[in-house]
Protein backbone atom coordinates (compact mmCIF):
# COMPACT_ATOMS: atom_id res chain seq x y z
CA MET A 1 121.80 120.97 75.94
CA ILE A 2 118.70 118.36 75.12
CA ALA A 3 119.28 115.88 72.53
CA SER A 4 117.09 116.41 69.89
CA GLY A 5 115.87 113.44 69.61
CA ALA A 6 114.62 112.96 72.98
CA MET A 7 111.59 115.27 72.47
CA GLY A 8 109.50 113.58 70.20
CA SER A 9 110.56 109.97 71.21
CA VAL A 10 107.62 107.38 72.89
CA SER A 11 108.49 105.23 75.47
CA SER A 12 106.53 102.25 76.29
CA SER A 13 103.56 102.71 78.22
CA LYS A 14 104.33 102.78 82.13
CA SER A 15 107.47 102.60 83.80
CA CYS A 16 108.92 99.04 84.55
CA ALA A 17 106.10 97.69 82.31
CA CYS A 18 108.46 96.39 79.38
CA ALA A 19 110.27 94.31 81.80
CA ALA A 20 106.89 92.47 82.77
CA LYS A 21 107.00 90.91 79.42
CA ARG A 22 107.41 87.23 79.69
CA ILE A 23 110.44 86.05 78.96
CA SER A 24 110.83 83.12 76.44
CA SER A 25 113.06 79.99 77.28
CA SER A 26 113.21 78.17 74.15
CA SER A 27 114.67 81.71 72.53
CA CYS A 28 116.02 83.37 76.04
CA SER A 29 115.00 86.55 74.38
CA GLU A 30 113.92 89.70 76.45
CA GLN A 31 111.17 91.64 75.42
CA ASN A 32 111.30 95.46 74.86
CA GLY A 33 108.29 97.35 74.34
CA SER A 34 107.53 96.18 70.69
CA THR A 35 111.21 94.88 69.99
CA THR A 36 112.92 91.81 70.79
CA LYS A 37 117.20 91.31 71.53
CA GLN A 38 118.42 87.82 71.19
CA GLU A 39 121.30 87.26 73.49
CA SER A 40 123.28 84.17 73.89
CA SER A 41 125.36 85.63 76.56
CA ILE A 42 125.37 88.43 78.72
CA SER A 43 128.86 90.58 79.60
CA ILE A 44 129.10 91.24 83.59
CA SER A 45 131.71 93.99 83.86
CA SER A 46 133.67 94.27 87.35
CA SER A 47 135.06 97.47 86.60
CA THR A 48 133.79 99.91 84.26
CA SER A 49 134.81 103.75 83.68
CA LEU A 50 133.55 106.11 80.52
CA ASN A 51 135.63 104.89 78.01
CA LYS A 52 136.27 101.28 78.91
CA THR A 53 135.37 98.48 80.54
CA THR A 54 137.91 96.19 81.91
CA THR A 55 138.08 92.30 83.89
CA THR A 56 134.93 91.28 81.83
CA THR A 57 133.12 87.92 82.87
CA THR A 58 130.65 86.61 80.18
CA THR A 59 127.97 84.77 81.30
CA THR A 60 126.24 82.32 78.36
CA ASN A 61 122.94 82.01 78.41
CA THR A 62 121.66 78.71 79.03
CA GLY A 63 117.71 78.82 78.75
CA GLN A 64 117.00 79.90 82.18
CA GLY A 65 116.94 83.60 81.82
CA PHE A 66 119.16 86.19 82.52
CA TYR A 67 122.02 87.28 85.08
CA GLN A 68 122.00 90.89 84.89
CA ARG A 69 123.43 93.60 82.30
CA GLU A 70 126.45 95.15 81.28
CA LEU A 71 125.89 98.87 82.50
CA PRO A 72 126.40 101.01 78.96
CA VAL A 73 128.89 103.90 77.80
CA GLY A 74 128.14 107.00 80.04
CA CYS A 75 127.00 104.92 83.56
CA ILE A 76 129.68 104.16 85.67
CA ALA A 77 129.45 101.65 88.24
CA PHE A 78 129.15 102.44 92.00
CA ALA A 79 131.64 99.93 93.32
CA SER A 80 133.76 100.14 89.85
CA SER A 81 137.69 101.84 90.70
CA GLU A 82 135.90 105.01 88.75
CA GLY A 83 132.67 104.65 90.89
CA ARG A 84 134.84 104.58 94.37
CA LYS A 85 136.79 107.68 93.32
CA ILE A 86 133.32 109.55 92.51
CA PHE A 87 131.96 108.64 95.63
CA GLU A 88 135.05 109.96 97.59
CA GLU A 89 135.06 113.04 95.68
CA SER A 90 131.44 113.44 96.56
CA MET A 91 132.18 112.94 100.24
CA ASN A 92 134.95 115.44 100.70
CA GLU A 93 132.47 118.01 98.77
CA GLY A 94 130.06 116.89 101.12
CA ASN A 95 127.44 115.55 98.90
CA LEU A 96 126.47 112.45 100.10
CA HIS A 97 124.20 113.31 102.97
CA SER A 98 120.76 111.66 101.40
CA PHE A 99 122.98 108.08 100.91
CA TYR A 100 123.24 107.18 104.20
CA PRO A 101 119.64 106.82 104.96
CA LEU A 102 118.40 105.42 101.41
CA ILE A 103 121.35 102.98 101.50
CA GLU A 104 120.26 101.65 104.86
CA GLN A 105 116.70 101.02 103.32
CA TYR A 106 118.17 99.85 100.21
CA HIS A 107 115.46 97.73 98.37
CA THR A 108 115.17 95.61 95.41
CA GLN A 109 111.89 95.72 93.23
CA SER A 110 110.24 92.06 94.25
CA GLU A 111 108.36 91.99 90.76
CA PRO A 112 109.67 93.42 87.19
CA ALA A 113 106.96 95.87 86.94
CA TYR A 114 107.52 96.93 90.31
CA CYS A 115 110.24 99.70 90.23
CA GLY A 116 107.87 102.58 90.87
CA LEU A 117 106.84 100.67 94.20
CA GLY A 118 110.40 99.52 95.55
CA THR A 119 111.33 103.04 94.85
CA LEU A 120 108.83 104.03 97.71
CA VAL A 121 109.93 100.92 99.72
CA ASN A 122 113.36 102.90 99.86
CA VAL A 123 112.45 106.08 100.06
CA MET A 124 109.22 106.29 102.63
CA ASN A 125 111.39 103.68 105.47
CA ALA A 126 114.53 105.84 104.54
CA LEU A 127 111.70 109.09 105.59
CA LYS A 128 110.76 106.88 108.56
CA ILE A 129 107.33 107.33 108.12
CA ASP A 130 105.06 104.89 109.84
CA PRO A 131 102.83 102.88 107.53
CA LYS A 132 100.45 102.50 110.12
CA ARG A 133 99.66 98.71 109.31
CA VAL A 134 101.05 95.61 110.29
CA TRP A 135 103.26 94.18 107.89
CA LYS A 136 104.20 91.15 109.71
CA PHE A 137 102.49 91.15 113.12
CA PRO A 138 103.58 93.31 115.02
CA TRP A 139 105.89 95.21 113.18
CA ARG A 140 104.46 98.21 110.85
CA TRP A 141 106.76 98.31 108.17
CA PHE A 142 106.81 99.60 103.85
CA SER A 143 106.40 96.50 101.38
CA GLU A 144 105.24 96.84 98.45
CA ASP A 145 102.02 94.97 99.26
CA ILE A 146 100.86 98.03 101.02
CA PHE A 147 101.13 100.30 98.33
CA ASP A 148 97.55 99.54 97.17
CA CYS A 149 95.47 102.81 97.51
CA CYS A 150 95.48 104.27 93.71
CA VAL A 151 96.44 100.97 91.74
CA PRO A 152 95.54 97.83 92.18
CA LEU A 153 98.53 95.61 92.33
CA GLU A 154 97.58 93.00 89.92
CA ILE A 155 97.44 96.16 87.45
CA VAL A 156 101.06 97.54 88.89
CA LYS A 157 101.82 93.98 88.34
CA LYS A 158 101.35 93.90 84.36
CA GLU A 159 101.38 97.73 83.89
CA GLY A 160 103.52 99.57 86.07
CA ILE A 161 102.69 103.13 87.43
CA THR A 162 102.81 106.34 85.75
CA LEU A 163 104.47 109.38 87.56
CA ARG A 164 100.97 110.87 88.40
CA GLN A 165 100.45 107.74 89.96
CA PHE A 166 103.58 107.43 91.84
CA SER A 167 102.80 110.86 93.69
CA CYS A 168 99.30 109.77 94.37
CA LEU A 169 100.53 106.54 96.32
CA ALA A 170 103.18 108.13 98.13
CA LYS A 171 100.17 110.90 99.41
CA CYS A 172 98.15 108.15 100.57
CA ASN A 173 100.70 107.05 102.66
CA GLY A 174 101.77 109.95 104.68
CA ALA A 175 104.48 111.77 102.14
CA ALA A 176 104.17 115.34 99.96
CA CYS A 177 105.22 115.16 96.90
CA GLN A 178 106.05 117.61 94.23
CA THR A 179 106.23 116.61 91.15
CA PHE A 180 107.84 118.28 88.10
CA ARG A 181 108.17 117.70 84.55
CA PRO A 182 111.34 118.84 82.09
CA GLN A 183 108.82 121.46 80.27
CA GLU A 184 108.25 123.06 83.74
CA THR A 185 110.95 123.61 85.06
CA SER A 186 114.72 123.60 83.88
CA LEU A 187 118.00 121.70 84.49
CA ASP A 188 119.57 124.48 86.97
CA ASP A 189 116.56 123.79 88.77
CA PHE A 190 116.72 120.12 88.89
CA ARG A 191 120.48 120.23 89.94
CA ASN A 192 119.17 123.26 92.62
CA ALA A 193 116.59 120.31 94.11
CA ILE A 194 119.09 117.42 94.63
CA ILE A 195 121.42 119.86 96.26
CA GLU A 196 118.84 121.30 98.70
CA SER A 197 117.48 117.76 98.89
CA ILE A 198 120.87 116.38 100.14
CA LYS A 199 121.41 119.51 102.78
CA SER A 200 118.05 118.52 103.82
CA ASN A 201 119.77 114.93 104.98
CA ASP A 202 122.62 116.59 106.88
CA LEU A 203 122.53 115.56 110.65
CA GLU A 204 123.87 118.88 111.10
CA SER A 205 121.21 121.16 109.87
CA LYS A 206 119.54 122.97 112.32
CA GLU A 207 116.14 122.52 110.59
CA LEU A 208 116.82 118.84 110.02
CA ASP A 209 113.36 118.13 107.33
CA PRO A 210 114.75 115.13 105.03
CA SER A 211 113.31 114.91 101.13
CA PHE A 212 114.62 112.87 98.63
CA ILE A 213 114.69 112.55 94.96
CA VAL A 214 112.86 110.11 93.07
CA VAL A 215 113.18 110.07 89.19
CA SER A 216 111.12 108.80 86.25
CA TYR A 217 113.05 108.25 83.21
CA ASP A 218 113.60 106.65 80.17
CA ARG A 219 115.98 103.93 80.22
CA ALA A 220 117.06 104.03 76.48
CA THR A 221 117.88 107.40 76.32
CA LEU A 222 121.14 105.76 78.91
CA GLY A 223 122.55 103.59 76.90
CA GLN A 224 119.67 101.03 79.03
CA THR A 225 117.59 98.38 78.04
CA GLY A 226 113.88 98.52 78.43
CA SER A 227 112.14 102.32 78.61
CA GLY A 228 110.33 103.87 82.05
CA HIS A 229 112.14 103.02 85.34
CA PHE A 230 111.50 104.64 88.54
CA SER A 231 114.56 104.78 90.89
CA PRO A 232 115.91 107.31 93.74
CA ILE A 233 119.13 109.53 93.53
CA ALA A 234 121.37 108.85 96.49
CA ALA A 235 124.28 111.34 95.83
CA TYR A 236 126.02 114.14 93.74
CA ASN A 237 129.14 115.12 92.56
CA ALA A 238 129.53 118.86 91.54
CA LYS A 239 132.86 118.49 90.44
CA ARG A 240 131.92 116.02 87.29
CA ASP A 241 127.72 117.19 87.65
CA MET A 242 127.16 113.34 88.22
CA VAL A 243 124.42 111.80 90.66
CA LEU A 244 124.56 108.08 91.90
CA ILE A 245 121.37 106.50 91.01
CA LEU A 246 120.26 103.67 93.29
CA ASP A 247 118.84 101.07 90.60
CA VAL A 248 116.03 99.28 92.55
CA ALA A 249 116.34 96.75 89.49
CA ARG A 250 119.68 95.30 90.91
CA PHE A 251 118.80 92.41 89.55
CA LYS A 252 119.55 94.16 86.35
CA TYR A 253 121.70 96.82 87.23
CA PRO A 254 123.88 98.28 90.09
CA PRO A 255 124.07 101.45 91.29
CA HIS A 256 125.81 103.85 89.30
CA TRP A 257 126.59 107.21 88.43
CA VAL A 258 125.51 109.23 85.45
CA LYS A 259 125.85 112.92 84.33
CA LEU A 260 123.24 114.77 85.44
CA GLU A 261 122.46 116.20 81.58
CA LYS A 262 122.41 112.93 80.44
CA MET A 263 119.28 112.31 83.33
CA TRP A 264 117.73 115.16 82.32
CA GLU A 265 117.25 113.88 78.67
CA ALA A 266 115.80 110.77 79.89
CA PHE A 267 112.95 112.68 81.00
CA TYR A 268 111.55 113.79 77.57
CA PRO A 269 110.96 110.80 76.08
CA VAL A 270 106.96 110.56 76.26
CA ASP A 271 105.31 108.09 78.47
CA SER A 272 102.18 106.70 75.62
CA ALA A 273 100.42 105.81 79.08
CA THR A 274 100.13 109.81 79.66
CA GLY A 275 101.18 111.38 77.01
CA LEU A 276 103.29 113.26 78.57
CA SER A 277 107.44 113.24 79.82
CA ARG A 278 108.45 111.69 82.53
CA GLY A 279 110.12 113.58 85.53
CA PHE A 280 111.06 114.05 88.86
CA ILE A 281 109.47 114.19 92.06
CA ILE A 282 110.17 115.66 95.99
CA ILE A 283 109.22 113.24 98.29
CA LYS A 284 109.57 114.36 102.26
CA ARG A 285 107.37 113.21 105.47
CA ASP A 286 103.83 115.34 105.13
CA ASN A 287 103.03 118.54 107.80
CA ILE A 288 100.36 116.00 109.43
CA GLN A 289 102.24 114.90 112.57
CA LYS A 290 100.05 111.66 113.45
CA GLU A 291 99.65 109.52 116.82
CA ASP A 292 100.60 105.90 117.40
CA GLN A 293 97.24 105.05 115.59
CA THR A 294 96.49 101.88 113.43
CA ILE A 295 94.74 102.02 110.22
CA CYS A 296 91.43 100.12 110.38
CA TYR A 297 89.68 100.92 106.96
CA ARG A 298 90.90 102.32 103.54
CA VAL A 299 88.58 102.73 100.13
CA VAL A 300 88.29 99.96 97.89
CA LEU A 301 90.70 99.67 94.90
CA ARG A 302 89.90 96.62 93.00
CA GLU A 303 89.42 98.44 89.54
CA LYS A 304 91.79 101.70 88.16
CA TRP A 305 91.42 104.99 89.91
CA SER A 306 88.75 106.51 87.78
CA GLU A 307 86.73 103.24 87.68
CA THR A 308 87.02 103.99 91.84
CA LEU A 309 85.91 107.26 91.13
CA SER A 310 83.03 106.70 88.76
CA LYS A 311 81.59 104.48 91.76
CA LEU A 312 81.76 106.97 94.20
CA LEU A 313 79.85 109.78 91.83
CA THR A 314 77.47 106.74 90.88
CA PHE A 315 76.58 106.22 95.11
CA THR A 316 76.48 110.66 95.41
CA ARG A 317 74.26 110.71 92.34
CA ALA A 318 71.94 108.08 93.44
CA ILE A 319 71.61 109.47 97.10
CA THR A 320 70.87 113.05 95.54
CA GLU A 321 68.19 111.33 93.58
CA ASN A 322 66.71 109.55 96.48
CA TYR A 323 66.81 112.73 98.31
CA THR A 324 64.69 114.39 95.89
CA GLN A 325 62.20 111.86 95.90
CA LYS A 326 61.69 112.23 99.43
CA VAL A 327 61.07 115.83 99.76
CA GLN A 328 59.37 116.28 96.66
CA SER A 329 60.74 119.55 95.78
CA GLU A 330 63.89 121.22 93.70
CA LEU A 331 66.82 121.69 96.03
CA ASP A 332 67.39 125.27 95.04
CA LYS A 333 64.32 126.10 96.86
CA SER A 334 64.02 124.80 100.17
CA PRO A 335 66.50 124.50 102.97
CA VAL A 336 68.05 120.51 103.20
CA ASP A 337 66.81 118.36 105.39
CA ILE A 338 69.47 116.91 107.26
CA SER A 339 67.58 113.88 108.32
CA LYS A 340 66.13 113.14 105.04
CA PHE A 341 68.94 113.45 103.32
CA CYS A 342 71.30 110.84 106.31
CA ASN A 343 68.32 108.54 105.31
CA SER A 344 68.99 108.82 102.05
CA ILE A 345 72.71 108.21 102.45
CA VAL A 346 71.86 105.24 104.42
CA GLU A 347 69.51 103.70 101.64
CA VAL A 348 71.97 104.36 98.65
CA LEU A 349 75.07 102.45 100.87
CA SER A 350 73.57 100.09 103.84
CA SER A 351 74.25 97.31 101.13
CA SER A 352 76.93 98.89 99.26
CA ILE A 353 79.31 100.40 101.85
CA TYR A 354 81.71 97.04 101.79
CA GLU A 355 82.27 98.00 97.85
CA ILE A 356 83.73 101.26 98.85
CA MET A 357 85.23 100.57 101.76
CA GLU A 358 87.02 97.88 103.80
CA PRO A 359 88.63 96.44 106.56
CA LEU A 360 92.35 95.99 106.53
CA LEU A 361 91.84 92.82 109.01
CA THR A 362 88.69 90.02 109.44
CA ILE A 363 88.30 88.39 112.13
CA GLU A 364 89.42 84.71 111.30
CA ASN A 365 90.76 81.52 112.57
CA ASN A 366 93.80 81.92 111.54
CA ILE A 367 95.00 85.03 112.75
CA SER A 368 96.86 85.21 116.08
CA GLU A 369 94.83 86.06 119.61
CA GLU A 370 96.79 89.25 119.65
CA MET A 371 95.75 90.58 116.55
CA LYS A 372 92.05 89.75 117.23
CA LYS A 373 92.48 91.86 120.68
CA LEU A 374 94.28 94.63 118.82
CA TRP A 375 91.53 94.66 116.20
CA ASN A 376 88.82 94.67 119.00
CA GLN A 377 90.31 97.37 120.77
CA ASN A 378 90.56 99.53 117.69
CA MET A 379 86.86 99.05 116.96
CA ASN A 380 86.03 99.74 120.50
CA ASN A 381 87.78 103.05 120.67
CA ILE A 382 86.38 103.89 116.66
CA PHE A 383 83.19 103.30 118.02
CA THR A 384 83.26 105.44 121.45
CA ASP A 385 84.40 108.53 119.71
CA LEU A 386 82.14 108.50 116.81
CA ARG A 387 79.25 107.71 119.25
CA GLU A 388 78.61 111.23 120.36
CA THR A 389 78.77 113.16 116.90
CA GLN A 390 75.53 114.66 115.14
CA ILE A 391 76.62 112.35 111.71
CA PHE A 392 76.94 109.22 113.82
CA LYS A 393 73.64 109.96 115.48
CA GLU A 394 71.75 110.87 111.85
CA ILE A 395 72.87 107.65 110.26
CA SER A 396 72.00 106.01 113.53
CA LYS A 397 68.20 106.35 113.05
CA PHE A 398 68.40 104.70 109.74
CA GLU A 399 71.11 101.94 109.88
CA LYS A 400 70.81 99.54 112.67
CA ASP A 401 73.88 97.38 112.00
CA ARG A 402 76.83 99.12 114.19
CA THR A 403 79.87 98.24 112.01
CA LYS A 404 77.83 99.85 108.94
CA ALA A 405 76.91 103.01 110.45
CA ILE A 406 80.44 103.39 111.64
CA MET A 407 82.00 102.85 108.02
CA ILE A 408 79.04 104.83 106.57
CA SER A 409 79.92 107.68 109.22
CA VAL A 410 83.60 107.39 108.42
CA LEU A 411 83.26 107.92 105.02
CA MET A 412 80.96 110.37 104.82
CA VAL A 413 83.09 112.39 106.98
CA SER A 414 86.59 111.50 104.99
CA MET A 415 84.99 112.37 101.40
CA PRO A 416 85.15 115.66 99.39
CA SER A 417 82.08 117.42 99.35
CA GLN A 418 83.34 118.00 95.67
CA LEU A 419 81.79 114.94 94.59
CA PHE A 420 78.39 115.66 95.66
CA GLU A 421 77.51 117.66 92.18
CA GLU A 422 74.34 119.46 93.37
CA ILE A 423 75.23 122.32 95.56
CA HIS A 424 72.88 122.51 97.88
CA LEU A 425 74.00 118.86 99.24
CA ARG A 426 77.68 119.49 98.94
CA SER A 427 76.40 122.21 101.60
CA ALA A 428 74.46 120.12 103.80
CA HIS A 429 77.40 117.43 103.60
CA GLU A 430 80.09 120.34 104.60
CA LYS A 431 77.96 121.21 107.36
CA ILE A 432 77.15 117.64 108.90
CA LYS A 433 80.74 116.28 108.39
CA ALA A 434 82.42 119.61 109.88
CA PRO A 435 83.38 119.34 113.48
CA LEU A 436 85.21 116.30 112.59
CA ASP A 437 86.60 117.25 109.06
CA TYR A 438 87.95 120.49 111.05
CA VAL A 439 89.87 118.01 113.79
CA CYS A 440 90.98 115.86 111.34
CA ASN A 441 92.91 118.26 108.83
CA ALA A 442 94.29 119.92 112.07
CA ASN A 443 97.89 119.56 112.93
CA CYS A 444 97.38 116.79 114.73
CA CYS A 445 95.41 113.51 114.96
CA LYS A 446 95.22 112.23 118.47
CA THR A 447 92.81 109.17 117.89
CA ILE A 448 92.36 106.35 116.21
CA LEU A 449 89.03 107.86 114.51
CA GLU A 450 90.72 110.61 113.57
CA SER A 451 93.80 109.05 111.95
CA ASN A 452 91.44 106.71 110.13
CA ILE A 453 89.24 109.56 109.16
CA ASN A 454 92.20 111.37 107.52
CA GLN A 455 94.07 108.44 105.93
CA ILE A 456 90.85 107.94 103.99
CA SER A 457 90.55 111.71 103.30
CA THR A 458 94.13 111.59 101.71
CA GLN A 459 93.47 108.77 99.51
CA LEU A 460 89.82 110.00 98.10
CA ARG A 461 91.48 113.75 97.67
CA ALA A 462 94.83 111.99 96.19
CA LEU A 463 92.29 110.09 93.37
CA LEU A 464 90.81 113.32 93.06
CA GLU A 465 94.06 114.72 92.02
CA LEU A 466 94.80 112.38 89.83
CA SER A 467 91.15 113.16 87.49
CA LEU A 468 92.22 116.81 87.91
CA GLU A 469 95.43 116.66 86.42
CA LYS A 470 96.46 117.25 83.03
């Protein structure tokens, strides 16, 4: 049964945002939303059960912040004697298949408000998704600073992310997501989703298609300090109906077992940033199998996602106005002149393309020769694949800077046509991008050009989904 108090409560604005509040060195109090809790000592339990805590070590607060927190009653530490017993039971039940890939990539969030990004690092690396971007040359790997395609990292560091933004970030980086809030599903459905996800990681499965469950929940409902938080579910115990939470804030709480019904209750408190409850996400690899191609460009996101979409709409409206002036006729009474349309695109975007798109690498003196060589090779490959297309030929008539012509062409092919509000220009846009758009939405991106178009298109579609969701 869902606790009656959970339905009407409102938690602080975004996941982990409360944890990002500054800790005062003079009072050594932890800020939790609008409340402040004075703590002169912190108890660290080495063995916790549902009913009692034993072998407790007390660490006195010395004015240097806090060292961990004691798990509340109802949350059982993974490494405690009871936690190990539950783990053994789950192993005997065959409910640990998700645990192994997740624990292999277990990650601690690097900033107090990075629980969403830290969870993404854990699950994306566990799913073995290639980020298509170099982490530390020559290695490609997910780290928190890669997840900047939907929300600027500066904003995430202050505010955290919402459930919808988590999904957006995952989709931008090669994952498929299904998001559920408690009002849209049931406790039984949640339990079944966990069981199915665990089965999907069984190495003996004939059709191995791994997925993981990520929960976005209210810590206070579990008796923990703080409010919104993200973490993955790593295991299930059917006998006790409990799940193992791999808490990515390991500096605060260790991995722990919690009753499934209690986790379900923790979905209900409303996130004041969205006015919606929290929930859970099923995350897996998307069904587009990309070749080993590097991502070179992305949409610039220095503001919130809504402001980025507003900027794109401003440019498409300017293109429409520019084109209307060129043809000096009503758009619905004559066919679109493709050449003049592309001319309008160039006139609007030539001076602004770097406001919308940016390269993921700039050739500077302090980068290695290997990176310079790889970048130049990638640019030549993109140009080779693009130069014979209709859209590039038209754009190049009016934009003589090859780099800008490439970037404008890639953006036009990647951009959803609905960003053009005038129906005739929307149709013209669909026509000129159709050949490449078809290839890049097929089941495989074989060239670096296709991979880059697919990446930018995915980012823009994810941003549009954010704007359309209620």
